[in-house]
Amino acid sequence: LRFLFFDAGFVDAPCSGPGPLARKPELNFRLSPEQLKAVSTVQKAILDSIWHSLLPGGLVFYSTCALDSPENELQIRRFASLHTGASIESMRTYFPDSPGQDSLFLAVVRKDT
């Protein structure tokens, strides 16, 4: 079995974010607390998986359309605290400039070792 290793990876994580709600408010999208926990667990699993395939010095780009900290800042801070050599390069939430646009959270984490 051969493993592939990468200099960078991009995670467009599943999230509780409104996604297309700005364009389709009739969807009235809501998740239960149990569903939110399940989404967070999937996000964690994806981050853990990509981390093991990342070369030292590599970058993980993590994004969601969620506006909630548990899926964004807290998820990334938790991840960095549990992985030796993980350093957070940046974290930022981008808010829409115009009606009909989506929000975006983006974090960059470097694998130092």
PDB file of N, CA and C in Angstrom:
ATOM      1  N   LEU A   1       0.849  -1.184   0.000  1.00  0.00           N
ATOM      2  CA  LEU A   1       0.000   0.000   0.000  1.00  0.00           C
ATOM      3  C   LEU A   1       0.885   1.235   0.000  1.00  0.00           C
ATOM      4  N   ARG A   2       0.659   2.134  -0.953  1.00  0.00           N
ATOM      5  CA  ARG A   2       1.434   3.372  -1.047  1.00  0.00           C
ATOM      6  C   ARG A   2       0.603   4.536  -0.523  1.00  0.00           C
ATOM      7  N   PHE A   3       1.276   5.405   0.174  1.00  0.00           N
ATOM      8  CA  PHE A   3       0.615   6.595   0.691  1.00  0.00           C
ATOM      9  C   PHE A   3       1.105   7.810  -0.081  1.00  0.00           C
ATOM     10  N   LEU A   4       0.233   8.739  -0.323  1.00  0.00           N
ATOM     11  CA  LEU A   4       0.592   9.984  -0.983  1.00  0.00           C
ATOM     12  C   LEU A   4       0.725  11.078   0.062  1.00  0.00           C
ATOM     13  N   PHE A   5       1.713  11.929  -0.140  1.00  0.00           N
ATOM     14  CA  PHE A   5       1.927  13.054   0.756  1.00  0.00           C
ATOM     15  C   PHE A   5       1.894  14.335  -0.064  1.00  0.00           C
ATOM     16  N   PHE A   6       1.415  15.402   0.555  1.00  0.00           N
ATOM     17  CA  PHE A   6       1.156  16.635  -0.170  1.00  0.00           C
ATOM     18  C   PHE A   6       1.785  17.829   0.537  1.00  0.00           C
ATOM     19  N   ASP A   7       2.077  18.875  -0.266  1.00  0.00           N
ATOM     20  CA  ASP A   7       2.570  20.137   0.278  1.00  0.00           C
ATOM     21  C   ASP A   7       1.434  20.995   0.825  1.00  0.00           C
ATOM     22  N   ALA A   8       0.240  20.773   0.316  1.00  0.00           N
ATOM     23  CA  ALA A   8      -0.914  21.570   0.745  1.00  0.00           C
ATOM     24  C   ALA A   8      -2.193  20.775   0.517  1.00  0.00           C
ATOM     25  N   GLY A   9      -3.188  21.118   1.310  1.00  0.00           N
ATOM     26  CA  GLY A   9      -4.503  20.511   1.141  1.00  0.00           C
ATOM     27  C   GLY A   9      -5.574  21.538   1.436  1.00  0.00           C
ATOM     28  N   PHE A  10      -6.697  21.415   0.742  1.00  0.00           N
ATOM     29  CA  PHE A  10      -7.813  22.332   0.935  1.00  0.00           C
ATOM     30  C   PHE A  10      -9.012  21.547   1.439  1.00  0.00           C
ATOM     31  N   VAL A  11      -9.560  21.989   2.564  1.00  0.00           N
ATOM     32  CA  VAL A  11     -10.745  21.359   3.143  1.00  0.00           C
ATOM     33  C   VAL A  11     -11.912  22.336   3.032  1.00  0.00           C
ATOM     34  N   ASP A  12     -12.872  22.001   2.191  1.00  0.00           N
ATOM     35  CA  ASP A  12     -14.128  22.746   2.116  1.00  0.00           C
ATOM     36  C   ASP A  12     -15.111  21.934   2.950  1.00  0.00           C
ATOM     37  N   ALA A  13     -15.073  22.165   4.254  1.00  0.00           N
ATOM     38  CA  ALA A  13     -15.750  21.293   5.213  1.00  0.00           C
ATOM     39  C   ALA A  13     -17.269  21.418   5.155  1.00  0.00           C
ATOM     40  N   PRO A  14     -17.951  20.285   5.333  1.00  0.00           N
ATOM     41  CA  PRO A  14     -19.400  20.367   5.507  1.00  0.00           C
ATOM     42  C   PRO A  14     -19.674  21.165   6.780  1.00  0.00           C
ATOM     43  N   CYS A  15     -20.729  21.950   6.770  1.00  0.00           N
ATOM     44  CA  CYS A  15     -20.962  22.811   7.929  1.00  0.00           C
ATOM     45  C   CYS A  15     -22.443  23.112   8.086  1.00  0.00           C
ATOM     46  N   SER A  16     -22.740  23.821   9.154  1.00  0.00           N
ATOM     47  CA  SER A  16     -24.122  24.220   9.431  1.00  0.00           C
ATOM     48  C   SER A  16     -24.445  25.567   8.816  1.00  0.00           C
ATOM     49  N   GLY A  17     -23.500  26.113   8.065  1.00  0.00           N
ATOM     50  CA  GLY A  17     -23.662  27.451   7.513  1.00  0.00           C
ATOM     51  C   GLY A  17     -24.845  27.573   6.583  1.00  0.00           C
ATOM     52  N   PRO A  18     -25.277  28.795   6.394  1.00  0.00           N
ATOM     53  CA  PRO A  18     -26.463  29.028   5.588  1.00  0.00           C
ATOM     54  C   PRO A  18     -26.271  28.752   4.110  1.00  0.00           C
ATOM     55  N   GLY A  19     -25.003  28.687   3.659  1.00  0.00           N
ATOM     56  CA  GLY A  19     -24.760  28.374   2.258  1.00  0.00           C
ATOM     57  C   GLY A  19     -25.630  29.198   1.330  1.00  0.00           C
ATOM     58  N   PRO A  20     -26.532  28.551   0.603  1.00  0.00           N
ATOM     59  CA  PRO A  20     -27.333  29.266  -0.394  1.00  0.00           C
ATOM     60  C   PRO A  20     -28.505  30.060   0.180  1.00  0.00           C
ATOM     61  N   LEU A  21     -28.620  30.147   1.503  1.00  0.00           N
ATOM     62  CA  LEU A  21     -29.778  30.852   2.078  1.00  0.00           C
ATOM     63  C   LEU A  21     -29.856  32.315   1.661  1.00  0.00           C
ATOM     64  N   ALA A  22     -28.705  32.922   1.422  1.00  0.00           N
ATOM     65  CA  ALA A  22     -28.743  34.319   0.991  1.00  0.00           C
ATOM     66  C   ALA A  22     -29.469  34.443  -0.346  1.00  0.00           C
ATOM     67  N   ARG A  23     -29.373  33.400  -1.153  1.00  0.00           N
ATOM     68  CA  ARG A  23     -30.030  33.401  -2.455  1.00  0.00           C
ATOM     69  C   ARG A  23     -31.398  32.724  -2.428  1.00  0.00           C
ATOM     70  N   LYS A  24     -31.609  31.814  -1.435  1.00  0.00           N
ATOM     71  CA  LYS A  24     -32.864  31.059  -1.360  1.00  0.00           C
ATOM     72  C   LYS A  24     -33.369  31.013   0.084  1.00  0.00           C
ATOM     73  N   PRO A  25     -33.840  32.135   0.613  1.00  0.00           N
ATOM     74  CA  PRO A  25     -34.272  32.173   2.017  1.00  0.00           C
ATOM     75  C   PRO A  25     -35.437  31.238   2.319  1.00  0.00           C
ATOM     76  N   GLU A  26     -36.150  30.801   1.309  1.00  0.00           N
ATOM     77  CA  GLU A  26     -37.284  29.905   1.535  1.00  0.00           C
ATOM     78  C   GLU A  26     -36.848  28.532   2.046  1.00  0.00           C
ATOM     79  N   LEU A  27     -35.564  28.216   1.951  1.00  0.00           N
ATOM     80  CA  LEU A  27     -35.083  26.920   2.431  1.00  0.00           C
ATOM     81  C   LEU A  27     -35.181  26.798   3.947  1.00  0.00           C
ATOM     82  N   ASN A  28     -35.042  27.919   4.672  1.00  0.00           N
ATOM     83  CA  ASN A  28     -35.168  27.925   6.134  1.00  0.00           C
ATOM     84  C   ASN A  28     -34.367  26.787   6.767  1.00  0.00           C
ATOM     85  N   PHE A  29     -33.081  26.777   6.518  1.00  0.00           N
ATOM     86  CA  PHE A  29     -32.175  25.708   6.924  1.00  0.00           C
ATOM     87  C   PHE A  29     -31.818  25.812   8.407  1.00  0.00           C
ATOM     88  N   ARG A  30     -32.045  24.737   9.160  1.00  0.00           N
ATOM     89  CA  ARG A  30     -31.693  24.684  10.587  1.00  0.00           C
ATOM     90  C   ARG A  30     -31.236  23.270  10.922  1.00  0.00           C
ATOM     91  N   LEU A  31     -30.242  23.178  11.788  1.00  0.00           N
ATOM     92  CA  LEU A  31     -29.777  21.877  12.261  1.00  0.00           C
ATOM     93  C   LEU A  31     -30.087  21.745  13.741  1.00  0.00           C
ATOM     94  N   SER A  32     -30.398  20.536  14.173  1.00  0.00           N
ATOM     95  CA  SER A  32     -30.616  20.256  15.590  1.00  0.00           C
ATOM     96  C   SER A  32     -29.261  20.217  16.291  1.00  0.00           C
ATOM     97  N   PRO A  33     -29.226  20.310  17.629  1.00  0.00           N
ATOM     98  CA  PRO A  33     -27.956  20.193  18.354  1.00  0.00           C
ATOM     99  C   PRO A  33     -27.223  18.884  18.036  1.00  0.00           C
ATOM    100  N   GLU A  34     -27.960  17.807  17.856  1.00  0.00           N
ATOM    101  CA  GLU A  34     -27.336  16.520  17.527  1.00  0.00           C
ATOM    102  C   GLU A  34     -26.699  16.568  16.139  1.00  0.00           C
ATOM    103  N   GLN A  35     -27.373  17.202  15.198  1.00  0.00           N
ATOM    104  CA  GLN A  35     -26.829  17.329  13.846  1.00  0.00           C
ATOM    105  C   GLN A  35     -25.592  18.226  13.839  1.00  0.00           C
ATOM    106  N   LEU A  36     -25.612  19.293  14.640  1.00  0.00           N
ATOM    107  CA  LEU A  36     -24.444  20.173  14.740  1.00  0.00           C
ATOM    108  C   LEU A  36     -23.238  19.415  15.280  1.00  0.00           C
ATOM    109  N   LYS A  37     -23.467  18.573  16.289  1.00  0.00           N
ATOM    110  CA  LYS A  37     -22.378  17.772  16.849  1.00  0.00           C
ATOM    111  C   LYS A  37     -21.835  16.805  15.798  1.00  0.00           C
ATOM    112  N   ALA A  38     -22.720  16.204  15.020  1.00  0.00           N
ATOM    113  CA  ALA A  38     -22.294  15.273  13.971  1.00  0.00           C
ATOM    114  C   ALA A  38     -21.463  15.986  12.905  1.00  0.00           C
ATOM    115  N   VAL A  39     -21.865  17.199  12.529  1.00  0.00           N
ATOM    116  CA  VAL A  39     -21.110  17.976  11.543  1.00  0.00           C
ATOM    117  C   VAL A  39     -19.717  18.282  12.083  1.00  0.00           C
ATOM    118  N   SER A  40     -19.627  18.678  13.339  1.00  0.00           N
ATOM    119  CA  SER A  40     -18.340  18.972  13.964  1.00  0.00           C
ATOM    120  C   SER A  40     -17.437  17.739  13.992  1.00  0.00           C
ATOM    121  N   THR A  41     -18.014  16.585  14.240  1.00  0.00           N
ATOM    122  CA  THR A  41     -17.250  15.333  14.258  1.00  0.00           C
ATOM    123  C   THR A  41     -16.698  15.017  12.871  1.00  0.00           C
ATOM    124  N   VAL A  42     -17.487  15.238  11.840  1.00  0.00           N
ATOM    125  CA  VAL A  42     -17.023  15.010  10.464  1.00  0.00           C
ATOM    126  C   VAL A  42     -15.900  15.985  10.120  1.00  0.00           C
ATOM    127  N   GLN A  43     -16.045  17.250  10.505  1.00  0.00           N
ATOM    128  CA  GLN A  43     -14.996  18.240  10.257  1.00  0.00           C
ATOM    129  C   GLN A  43     -13.685  17.803  10.899  1.00  0.00           C
ATOM    130  N   LYS A  44     -13.763  17.366  12.147  1.00  0.00           N
ATOM    131  CA  LYS A  44     -12.571  16.908  12.870  1.00  0.00           C
ATOM    132  C   LYS A  44     -11.931  15.730  12.150  1.00  0.00           C
ATOM    133  N   ALA A  45     -12.722  14.779  11.711  1.00  0.00           N
ATOM    134  CA  ALA A  45     -12.190  13.596  11.027  1.00  0.00           C
ATOM    135  C   ALA A  45     -11.496  13.974   9.719  1.00  0.00           C
ATOM    136  N   ILE A  46     -12.068  14.910   8.984  1.00  0.00           N
ATOM    137  CA  ILE A  46     -11.448  15.346   7.727  1.00  0.00           C
ATOM    138  C   ILE A  46     -10.118  16.031   8.003  1.00  0.00           C
ATOM    139  N   LEU A  47     -10.087  16.929   8.985  1.00  0.00           N
ATOM    140  CA  LEU A  47      -8.835  17.609   9.338  1.00  0.00           C
ATOM    141  C   LEU A  47      -7.774  16.611   9.786  1.00  0.00           C
ATOM    142  N   ASP A  48      -8.151  15.667  10.632  1.00  0.00           N
ATOM    143  CA  ASP A  48      -7.199  14.656  11.101  1.00  0.00           C
ATOM    144  C   ASP A  48      -6.650  13.849   9.934  1.00  0.00           C
ATOM    145  N   SER A  49      -7.509  13.488   9.013  1.00  0.00           N
ATOM    146  CA  SER A  49      -7.112  12.669   7.871  1.00  0.00           C
ATOM    147  C   SER A  49      -6.112  13.393   6.974  1.00  0.00           C
ATOM    148  N   ILE A  50      -6.393  14.642   6.656  1.00  0.00           N
ATOM    149  CA  ILE A  50      -5.497  15.379   5.767  1.00  0.00           C
ATOM    150  C   ILE A  50      -4.161  15.663   6.446  1.00  0.00           C
ATOM    151  N   TRP A  51      -4.179  15.842   7.752  1.00  0.00           N
ATOM    152  CA  TRP A  51      -2.956  16.157   8.490  1.00  0.00           C
ATOM    153  C   TRP A  51      -1.913  15.053   8.334  1.00  0.00           C
ATOM    154  N   HIS A  52      -2.355  13.817   8.332  1.00  0.00           N
ATOM    155  CA  HIS A  52      -1.429  12.687   8.242  1.00  0.00           C
ATOM    156  C   HIS A  52      -0.813  12.547   6.857  1.00  0.00           C
ATOM    157  N   SER A  53      -1.386  13.199   5.860  1.00  0.00           N
ATOM    158  CA  SER A  53      -0.857  13.135   4.496  1.00  0.00           C
ATOM    159  C   SER A  53      -0.094  14.397   4.111  1.00  0.00           C
ATOM    160  N   LEU A  54       0.078  15.300   5.058  1.00  0.00           N
ATOM    161  CA  LEU A  54       0.729  16.575   4.775  1.00  0.00           C
ATOM    162  C   LEU A  54       2.216  16.495   5.095  1.00  0.00           C
ATOM    163  N   LEU A  55       3.038  16.962   4.166  1.00  0.00           N
ATOM    164  CA  LEU A  55       4.482  16.998   4.385  1.00  0.00           C
ATOM    165  C   LEU A  55       4.838  18.100   5.384  1.00  0.00           C
ATOM    166  N   PRO A  56       5.980  17.955   6.098  1.00  0.00           N
ATOM    167  CA  PRO A  56       6.437  19.042   6.967  1.00  0.00           C
ATOM    168  C   PRO A  56       6.594  20.332   6.154  1.00  0.00           C
ATOM    169  N   GLY A  57       6.139  21.420   6.728  1.00  0.00           N
ATOM    170  CA  GLY A  57       6.151  22.703   6.033  1.00  0.00           C
ATOM    171  C   GLY A  57       4.908  22.935   5.196  1.00  0.00           C
ATOM    172  N   GLY A  58       4.065  21.907   5.097  1.00  0.00           N
ATOM    173  CA  GLY A  58       2.853  22.004   4.290  1.00  0.00           C
ATOM    174  C   GLY A  58       1.763  22.819   4.958  1.00  0.00           C
ATOM    175  N   LEU A  59       0.780  23.181   4.171  1.00  0.00           N
ATOM    176  CA  LEU A  59      -0.320  24.018   4.638  1.00  0.00           C
ATOM    177  C   LEU A  59      -1.659  23.323   4.442  1.00  0.00           C
ATOM    178  N   VAL A  60      -2.543  23.512   5.418  1.00  0.00           N
ATOM    179  CA  VAL A  60      -3.939  23.102   5.287  1.00  0.00           C
ATOM    180  C   VAL A  60      -4.765  24.380   5.215  1.00  0.00           C
ATOM    181  N   PHE A  61      -5.571  24.485   4.179  1.00  0.00           N
ATOM    182  CA  PHE A  61      -6.532  25.573   4.030  1.00  0.00           C
ATOM    183  C   PHE A  61      -7.895  24.989   4.388  1.00  0.00           C
ATOM    184  N   TYR A  62      -8.535  25.561   5.395  1.00  0.00           N
ATOM    185  CA  TYR A  62      -9.801  25.037   5.915  1.00  0.00           C
ATOM    186  C   TYR A  62     -10.864  26.103   5.749  1.00  0.00           C
ATOM    187  N   SER A  63     -11.973  25.746   5.112  1.00  0.00           N
ATOM    188  CA  SER A  63     -13.032  26.737   4.927  1.00  0.00           C
ATOM    189  C   SER A  63     -14.400  26.153   5.246  1.00  0.00           C
ATOM    190  N   THR A  64     -15.280  27.039   5.705  1.00  0.00           N
ATOM    191  CA  THR A  64     -16.697  26.717   5.874  1.00  0.00           C
ATOM    192  C   THR A  64     -17.490  27.967   5.492  1.00  0.00           C
ATOM    193  N   CYS A  65     -18.787  27.781   5.310  1.00  0.00           N
ATOM    194  CA  CYS A  65     -19.666  28.944   5.130  1.00  0.00           C
ATOM    195  C   CYS A  65     -20.419  29.226   6.427  1.00  0.00           C
ATOM    196  N   ALA A  66     -20.027  28.535   7.501  1.00  0.00           N
ATOM    197  CA  ALA A  66     -20.662  28.728   8.809  1.00  0.00           C
ATOM    198  C   ALA A  66     -20.192  30.034   9.436  1.00  0.00           C
ATOM    199  N   LEU A  67     -21.021  30.579  10.289  1.00  0.00           N
ATOM    200  CA  LEU A  67     -20.652  31.777  11.034  1.00  0.00           C
ATOM    201  C   LEU A  67     -20.415  31.475  12.502  1.00  0.00           C
ATOM    202  N   ASP A  68     -20.592  30.230  12.915  1.00  0.00           N
ATOM    203  CA  ASP A  68     -20.460  29.844  14.317  1.00  0.00           C
ATOM    204  C   ASP A  68     -19.027  29.466  14.654  1.00  0.00           C
ATOM    205  N   SER A  69     -18.544  29.987  15.769  1.00  0.00           N
ATOM    206  CA  SER A  69     -17.184  29.724  16.212  1.00  0.00           C
ATOM    207  C   SER A  69     -16.870  28.243  16.428  1.00  0.00           C
ATOM    208  N   PRO A  70     -17.792  27.420  16.954  1.00  0.00           N
ATOM    209  CA  PRO A  70     -17.443  26.007  17.167  1.00  0.00           C
ATOM    210  C   PRO A  70     -17.011  25.282  15.894  1.00  0.00           C
ATOM    211  N   GLU A  71     -17.489  25.709  14.750  1.00  0.00           N
ATOM    212  CA  GLU A  71     -17.102  25.075  13.495  1.00  0.00           C
ATOM    213  C   GLU A  71     -15.926  25.779  12.839  1.00  0.00           C
ATOM    214  N   ASN A  72     -15.544  26.910  13.369  1.00  0.00           N
ATOM    215  CA  ASN A  72     -14.505  27.723  12.752  1.00  0.00           C
ATOM    216  C   ASN A  72     -13.314  27.884  13.696  1.00  0.00           C
ATOM    217  N   GLU A  73     -13.267  29.005  14.407  1.00  0.00           N
ATOM    218  CA  GLU A  73     -12.123  29.287  15.271  1.00  0.00           C
ATOM    219  C   GLU A  73     -11.894  28.189  16.305  1.00  0.00           C
ATOM    220  N   LEU A  74     -12.955  27.767  16.974  1.00  0.00           N
ATOM    221  CA  LEU A  74     -12.782  26.742  18.014  1.00  0.00           C
ATOM    222  C   LEU A  74     -12.334  25.410  17.422  1.00  0.00           C
ATOM    223  N   GLN A  75     -12.858  25.057  16.266  1.00  0.00           N
ATOM    224  CA  GLN A  75     -12.453  23.814  15.609  1.00  0.00           C
ATOM    225  C   GLN A  75     -10.960  23.863  15.255  1.00  0.00           C
ATOM    226  N   ILE A  76     -10.500  24.985  14.723  1.00  0.00           N
ATOM    227  CA  ILE A  76      -9.094  25.119  14.331  1.00  0.00           C
ATOM    228  C   ILE A  76      -8.191  25.189  15.559  1.00  0.00           C
ATOM    229  N   ARG A  77      -8.593  25.922  16.591  1.00  0.00           N
ATOM    230  CA  ARG A  77      -7.770  25.991  17.816  1.00  0.00           C
ATOM    231  C   ARG A  77      -7.667  24.617  18.483  1.00  0.00           C
ATOM    232  N   ARG A  78      -8.777  23.884  18.521  1.00  0.00           N
ATOM    233  CA  ARG A  78      -8.761  22.531  19.078  1.00  0.00           C
ATOM    234  C   ARG A  78      -7.823  21.644  18.265  1.00  0.00           C
ATOM    235  N   PHE A  79      -7.942  21.720  16.959  1.00  0.00           N
ATOM    236  CA  PHE A  79      -7.105  20.927  16.068  1.00  0.00           C
ATOM    237  C   PHE A  79      -5.620  21.222  16.311  1.00  0.00           C
ATOM    238  N   ALA A  80      -5.258  22.502  16.351  1.00  0.00           N
ATOM    239  CA  ALA A  80      -3.855  22.885  16.544  1.00  0.00           C
ATOM    240  C   ALA A  80      -3.334  22.445  17.909  1.00  0.00           C
ATOM    241  N   SER A  81      -4.190  22.463  18.919  1.00  0.00           N
ATOM    242  CA  SER A  81      -3.751  22.058  20.261  1.00  0.00           C
ATOM    243  C   SER A  81      -3.516  20.551  20.360  1.00  0.00           C
ATOM    244  N   LEU A  82      -4.158  19.775  19.491  1.00  0.00           N
ATOM    245  CA  LEU A  82      -4.033  18.315  19.541  1.00  0.00           C
ATOM    246  C   LEU A  82      -2.983  17.751  18.594  1.00  0.00           C
ATOM    247  N   HIS A  83      -2.423  18.578  17.718  1.00  0.00           N
ATOM    248  CA  HIS A  83      -1.463  18.097  16.729  1.00  0.00           C
ATOM    249  C   HIS A  83      -0.129  18.817  16.899  1.00  0.00           C
ATOM    250  N   THR A  84       0.873  18.066  17.314  1.00  0.00           N
ATOM    251  CA  THR A  84       2.211  18.617  17.480  1.00  0.00           C
ATOM    252  C   THR A  84       2.690  19.189  16.152  1.00  0.00           C
ATOM    253  N   GLY A  85       3.230  20.380  16.195  1.00  0.00           N
ATOM    254  CA  GLY A  85       3.755  21.005  14.987  1.00  0.00           C
ATOM    255  C   GLY A  85       2.734  21.781  14.188  1.00  0.00           C
ATOM    256  N   ALA A  86       1.509  21.862  14.676  1.00  0.00           N
ATOM    257  CA  ALA A  86       0.484  22.636  13.970  1.00  0.00           C
ATOM    258  C   ALA A  86       0.533  24.082  14.437  1.00  0.00           C
ATOM    259  N   SER A  87       0.721  24.990  13.507  1.00  0.00           N
ATOM    260  CA  SER A  87       0.698  26.409  13.870  1.00  0.00           C
ATOM    261  C   SER A  87      -0.314  27.134  12.985  1.00  0.00           C
ATOM    262  N   ILE A  88      -1.150  27.917  13.629  1.00  0.00           N
ATOM    263  CA  ILE A  88      -2.191  28.655  12.914  1.00  0.00           C
ATOM    264  C   ILE A  88      -1.555  29.885  12.279  1.00  0.00           C
ATOM    265  N   GLU A  89      -1.591  29.932  10.960  1.00  0.00           N
ATOM    266  CA  GLU A  89      -1.025  31.063  10.222  1.00  0.00           C
ATOM    267  C   GLU A  89      -2.025  32.216  10.137  1.00  0.00           C
ATOM    268  N   SER A  90      -3.294  31.880   9.914  1.00  0.00           N
ATOM    269  CA  SER A  90      -4.319  32.922   9.842  1.00  0.00           C
ATOM    270  C   SER A  90      -5.703  32.305   9.994  1.00  0.00           C
ATOM    271  N   MET A  91      -6.635  33.133  10.455  1.00  0.00           N
ATOM    272  CA  MET A  91      -8.051  32.777  10.540  1.00  0.00           C
ATOM    273  C   MET A  91      -8.834  34.052  10.270  1.00  0.00           C
ATOM    274  N   ARG A  92      -9.808  33.937   9.397  1.00  0.00           N
ATOM    275  CA  ARG A  92     -10.586  35.136   9.077  1.00  0.00           C
ATOM    276  C   ARG A  92     -11.970  34.747   8.581  1.00  0.00           C
ATOM    277  N   THR A  93     -12.958  35.539   8.981  1.00  0.00           N
ATOM    278  CA  THR A  93     -14.309  35.387   8.462  1.00  0.00           C
ATOM    279  C   THR A  93     -14.561  36.524   7.483  1.00  0.00           C
ATOM    280  N   TYR A  94     -15.021  36.160   6.312  1.00  0.00           N
ATOM    281  CA  TYR A  94     -15.355  37.126   5.269  1.00  0.00           C
ATOM    282  C   TYR A  94     -16.873  37.238   5.199  1.00  0.00           C
ATOM    283  N   PHE A  95     -17.352  38.459   5.315  1.00  0.00           N
ATOM    284  CA  PHE A  95     -18.788  38.705   5.261  1.00  0.00           C
ATOM    285  C   PHE A  95     -19.157  39.253   3.888  1.00  0.00           C
ATOM    286  N   PRO A  96     -20.366  38.970   3.433  1.00  0.00           N
ATOM    287  CA  PRO A  96     -20.776  39.422   2.099  1.00  0.00           C
ATOM    288  C   PRO A  96     -20.740  40.941   1.970  1.00  0.00           C
ATOM    289  N   ASP A  97     -20.290  41.402   0.815  1.00  0.00           N
ATOM    290  CA  ASP A  97     -20.308  42.832   0.505  1.00  0.00           C
ATOM    291  C   ASP A  97     -21.614  43.243  -0.162  1.00  0.00           C
ATOM    292  N   SER A  98     -22.256  42.274  -0.781  1.00  0.00           N
ATOM    293  CA  SER A  98     -23.474  42.556  -1.540  1.00  0.00           C
ATOM    294  C   SER A  98     -24.537  41.517  -1.225  1.00  0.00           C
ATOM    295  N   PRO A  99     -25.800  41.875  -1.373  1.00  0.00           N
ATOM    296  CA  PRO A  99     -26.866  40.889  -1.176  1.00  0.00           C
ATOM    297  C   PRO A  99     -26.691  39.706  -2.131  1.00  0.00           C
ATOM    298  N   GLY A 100     -27.021  38.528  -1.622  1.00  0.00           N
ATOM    299  CA  GLY A 100     -26.927  37.330  -2.443  1.00  0.00           C
ATOM    300  C   GLY A 100     -25.587  36.629  -2.384  1.00  0.00           C
ATOM    301  N   GLN A 101     -24.602  37.222  -1.693  1.00  0.00           N
ATOM    302  CA  GLN A 101     -23.301  36.575  -1.550  1.00  0.00           C
ATOM    303  C   GLN A 101     -23.271  35.766  -0.260  1.00  0.00           C
ATOM    304  N   ASP A 102     -22.386  34.777  -0.211  1.00  0.00           N
ATOM    305  CA  ASP A 102     -22.246  33.936   0.970  1.00  0.00           C
ATOM    306  C   ASP A 102     -21.118  34.433   1.862  1.00  0.00           C
ATOM    307  N   SER A 103     -21.201  34.090   3.150  1.00  0.00           N
ATOM    308  CA  SER A 103     -20.093  34.340   4.067  1.00  0.00           C
ATOM    309  C   SER A 103     -19.080  33.208   3.904  1.00  0.00           C
ATOM    310  N   LEU A 104     -17.880  33.419   4.433  1.00  0.00           N
ATOM    311  CA  LEU A 104     -16.820  32.421   4.315  1.00  0.00           C
ATOM    312  C   LEU A 104     -15.875  32.545   5.492  1.00  0.00           C
ATOM    313  N   PHE A 105     -15.539  31.421   6.102  1.00  0.00           N
ATOM    314  CA  PHE A 105     -14.472  31.366   7.096  1.00  0.00           C
ATOM    315  C   PHE A 105     -13.306  30.650   6.438  1.00  0.00           C
ATOM    316  N   LEU A 106     -12.095  31.182   6.614  1.00  0.00           N
ATOM    317  CA  LEU A 106     -10.904  30.547   6.059  1.00  0.00           C
ATOM    318  C   LEU A 106      -9.791  30.570   7.093  1.00  0.00           C
ATOM    319  N   ALA A 107      -9.182  29.412   7.308  1.00  0.00           N
ATOM    320  CA  ALA A 107      -8.027  29.294   8.200  1.00  0.00           C
ATOM    321  C   ALA A 107      -6.899  28.619   7.440  1.00  0.00           C
ATOM    322  N   VAL A 108      -5.678  28.997   7.793  1.00  0.00           N
ATOM    323  CA  VAL A 108      -4.489  28.366   7.228  1.00  0.00           C
ATOM    324  C   VAL A 108      -3.666  27.842   8.396  1.00  0.00           C
ATOM    325  N   VAL A 109      -3.357  26.543   8.359  1.00  0.00           N
ATOM    326  CA  VAL A 109      -2.571  25.896   9.413  1.00  0.00           C
ATOM    327  C   VAL A 109      -1.335  25.290   8.771  1.00  0.00           C
ATOM    328  N   ARG A 110      -0.170  25.585   9.358  1.00  0.00           N
ATOM    329  CA  ARG A 110       1.101  25.053   8.849  1.00  0.00           C
ATOM    330  C   ARG A 110       1.524  23.847   9.682  1.00  0.00           C
ATOM    331  N   LYS A 111       2.074  22.849   9.004  1.00  0.00           N
ATOM    332  CA  LYS A 111       2.639  21.681   9.683  1.00  0.00           C
ATOM    333  C   LYS A 111       4.139  21.913   9.807  1.00  0.00           C
ATOM    334  N   ASP A 112       4.578  22.275  11.014  1.00  0.00           N
ATOM    335  CA  ASP A 112       5.978  22.622  11.235  1.00  0.00           C
ATOM    336  C   ASP A 112       6.893  21.408  11.283  1.00  0.00           C
ATOM    337  N   THR A 113       6.392  20.285  11.772  1.00  0.00           N
ATOM    338  CA  THR A 113       7.244  19.090  11.882  1.00  0.00           C
ATOM    339  C   THR A 113       6.621  17.922  11.173  1.00  0.00           C
TER     340      THR A 113
END
